[in-house]
Amino acid sequence: QGQLAESGGGLVQSGGSLSLSCAASGFGFHYYALGWFRQAPGQEREGVSCISSIDGTTYYTDSVKGRFTASRDNAKKQAFLQMNSLQPEDTAIYYCAASSLGYCSSHDPYDPQEYEIWGQGEQVTVSS
């Protein structure tokens, strides 16, 4: 059974950086697209980034463009989300998720129904 596990979250001051990791096990990671999502208190879950398994094409939601960078290492079965210039509004639980589509839909790369495997979440808190 496939599993994902996030790590690297924590508390950081506004303007700081954090790097999240997502370790995969139990499934063919290199075949899956990898999405990052977040959910702030009292808010709906939102998609942050998606990176394709096929050609590494990456999508970012507008609010993180230029600040966040998603990457993956298929050989190590890991994905990463480098987060720079963090702001208090980035405070949320961050999840990685894997989609057997293998690619990020240009129509809706963050449709949660397309992601079969989810991590447990990692808290990121940005203080002002």
Foldseek 3Di string as FASTA:
>chain_A
DKAKAKDWADEEAAQAKIKIKIAIDDDQLLQWKKWKWWDDPPGDIDTAKIAASPPRDMDGDPVQPPFWDKDADSVRRMIMIIGGRDDQVVWTWMKMFIANVRGQDPVHSPPVVRTDYMYPTDTHGYHD
